[in-house]
C-alpha cells in the first residue's frame, strides 16, 4: 500500500524546491527593496518572474510579431495574385477568395519561419 496517493505526488512535483540566488551590495539591495515596494511585490517573487520571463523564449513555441505576419501575408497574396496575372490568366472572384483563405491560414507559419531564418543568420 503506497504511503502517498498519486494526486499528492503530482501536487508535490509542482512545489518550488530549489533556490536561485545572488548577492547584492547595500546600494543594490536598497534599490531592489524600493523597486519591490513600489510594485507591491517581494524581492523573491520579482526575481522569480524575471528568471521565468528570461527563460520563456526557450520554453514557448516560436512566434513572429503581428507586423511581420501581416507583411508576410501581403507578400503571399501579391505573389499568388500577380503571377497568374503576369502570365495572362484571369482570376475569378472565387479563386481570389481561395487565395485569401490560404494566405490567412499560412501567413503566421511562414512569418515564424522567416523570423527563425533571421535569428539564425
Protein backbone atom coordinates (compact mmCIF):
# COMPACT_ATOMS: atom_id res chain seq x y z
CA UNK A 1 0.00 0.00 0.00
CA UNK A 2 1.53 3.36 -1.06
CA UNK A 3 2.07 5.98 1.61
CA UNK A 4 1.13 8.85 -0.72
CA UNK A 5 -1.58 8.88 -3.36
CA UNK A 6 -0.73 9.71 -6.96
CA UNK A 7 -2.56 13.00 -6.52
CA UNK A 8 -0.32 14.07 -3.63
CA UNK A 9 2.81 13.07 -5.53
CA UNK A 10 1.64 15.10 -8.54
CA UNK A 11 0.92 18.13 -6.37
CA UNK A 12 4.34 17.97 -4.75
CA UNK A 13 6.05 17.81 -8.14
CA UNK A 14 4.91 21.42 -8.63
CA UNK A 15 6.40 22.67 -5.35
CA UNK A 16 9.28 25.07 -5.54
CA UNK A 17 12.18 23.15 -4.06
CA UNK A 18 15.35 24.89 -5.26
CA UNK A 19 16.68 28.37 -4.68
CA UNK A 20 18.37 30.52 -7.28
CA UNK A 21 20.11 33.41 -5.56
CA UNK A 22 22.67 36.14 -5.89
CA UNK A 23 24.49 38.52 -3.61
CA UNK A 24 23.93 42.28 -3.69
CA UNK A 25 25.78 45.18 -2.15
CA UNK A 26 23.95 47.61 0.15
CA UNK A 27 23.04 50.08 -2.59
CA UNK A 28 21.75 47.34 -4.89
CA UNK A 29 19.73 45.81 -2.05
CA UNK A 30 18.21 49.20 -1.18
CA UNK A 31 17.30 49.80 -4.83
CA UNK A 32 15.73 46.32 -5.04
CA UNK A 33 13.72 46.90 -1.85
CA UNK A 34 12.43 50.26 -3.13
CA UNK A 35 11.60 48.77 -6.53
CA UNK A 36 9.65 45.93 -4.92
CA UNK A 37 7.85 48.28 -2.53
CA UNK A 38 6.80 50.49 -5.45
CA UNK A 39 5.34 47.47 -7.21
CA UNK A 40 3.84 45.81 -4.15
CA UNK A 41 5.79 42.58 -4.51
CA UNK A 42 8.57 40.77 -2.70
CA UNK A 43 12.15 40.50 -3.94
CA UNK A 44 11.74 36.73 -4.27
CA UNK A 45 8.65 37.00 -6.47
CA UNK A 46 10.19 39.75 -8.58
CA UNK A 47 13.35 37.72 -9.15
CA UNK A 48 11.31 34.58 -9.90
CA UNK A 49 9.26 36.46 -12.53
CA UNK A 50 12.42 37.89 -14.07
CA UNK A 51 14.03 34.45 -14.30
CA UNK A 52 10.92 32.87 -15.81
CA UNK A 53 10.46 35.69 -18.32
CA UNK A 54 14.09 35.28 -19.37
CA UNK A 55 13.56 31.53 -19.85
CA UNK A 56 10.20 31.96 -21.61
CA UNK A 57 11.59 32.12 -25.19
CA UNK A 58 13.26 28.76 -24.64
CA UNK A 59 10.04 27.06 -23.50
CA UNK A 60 7.45 28.73 -25.70
CA UNK A 61 6.74 27.86 -29.28
CA UNK A 62 8.36 30.21 -31.77
CA UNK A 63 6.40 33.35 -32.64
CA UNK A 64 6.58 36.25 -35.02
CA UNK A 65 5.32 39.78 -34.46
CA UNK A 66 1.86 40.66 -35.79
CA UNK A 67 3.50 43.20 -38.09
CA UNK A 68 5.77 40.57 -39.65
CA UNK A 69 2.80 38.21 -40.04
CA UNK A 70 0.84 40.88 -41.90
CA UNK A 71 3.79 41.78 -44.12
CA UNK A 72 4.27 38.11 -44.97
CA UNK A 73 0.52 37.84 -45.64
CA UNK A 74 0.65 40.73 -48.11
CA UNK A 75 3.70 39.19 -49.77
CA UNK A 76 1.96 35.83 -50.11
CA UNK A 77 -1.16 37.45 -51.51
CA UNK A 78 0.77 39.52 -54.05
CA UNK A 79 2.83 36.54 -55.15
CA UNK A 80 -0.23 34.37 -55.62
CA UNK A 81 -2.24 37.08 -57.41
CA UNK A 82 0.43 38.70 -59.57
CA UNK A 83 1.92 35.54 -61.07
CA UNK A 84 -1.31 34.41 -62.77
CA UNK A 85 -1.97 37.98 -63.95
CA UNK A 86 1.57 38.29 -65.34
CA UNK A 87 1.12 35.09 -67.34
CA UNK A 88 -2.17 36.28 -68.83
CA UNK A 89 -4.53 34.19 -66.71
CA UNK A 90 -7.78 35.59 -65.40
CA UNK A 91 -8.57 35.42 -61.70
CA UNK A 92 -12.18 34.85 -60.80
CA UNK A 93 -13.63 36.15 -57.52
CA UNK A 94 -13.80 32.54 -56.26
CA UNK A 95 -10.09 31.97 -57.00
CA UNK A 96 -9.20 35.26 -55.29
CA UNK A 97 -11.26 34.30 -52.23
CA UNK A 98 -9.47 30.93 -52.15
CA UNK A 99 -6.11 32.69 -52.28
CA UNK A 100 -7.12 34.92 -49.37
CA UNK A 101 -8.25 31.93 -47.30
CA UNK A 102 -4.92 30.17 -47.89
CA UNK A 103 -2.95 33.32 -47.08
CA UNK A 104 -4.80 33.69 -43.76
CA UNK A 105 -4.08 30.06 -42.91
CA UNK A 106 -0.38 30.13 -43.78
CA UNK A 107 0.91 33.65 -43.04
CA UNK A 108 1.73 33.01 -39.38
CA UNK A 109 3.71 29.83 -40.06
CA UNK A 110 5.63 31.48 -42.90
CA UNK A 111 6.33 34.54 -40.70
CA UNK A 112 7.66 32.31 -37.88
CA UNK A 113 9.90 30.54 -40.38
CA UNK A 114 11.18 33.88 -41.69
CA UNK A 115 11.81 35.08 -38.13
CA UNK A 116 13.79 31.93 -37.33
CA UNK A 117 15.82 32.33 -40.51
CA UNK A 118 16.69 35.90 -39.49
CA UNK A 119 17.70 34.79 -35.99
CA UNK A 120 19.97 32.04 -37.39
CA UNK A 121 21.70 34.42 -39.81
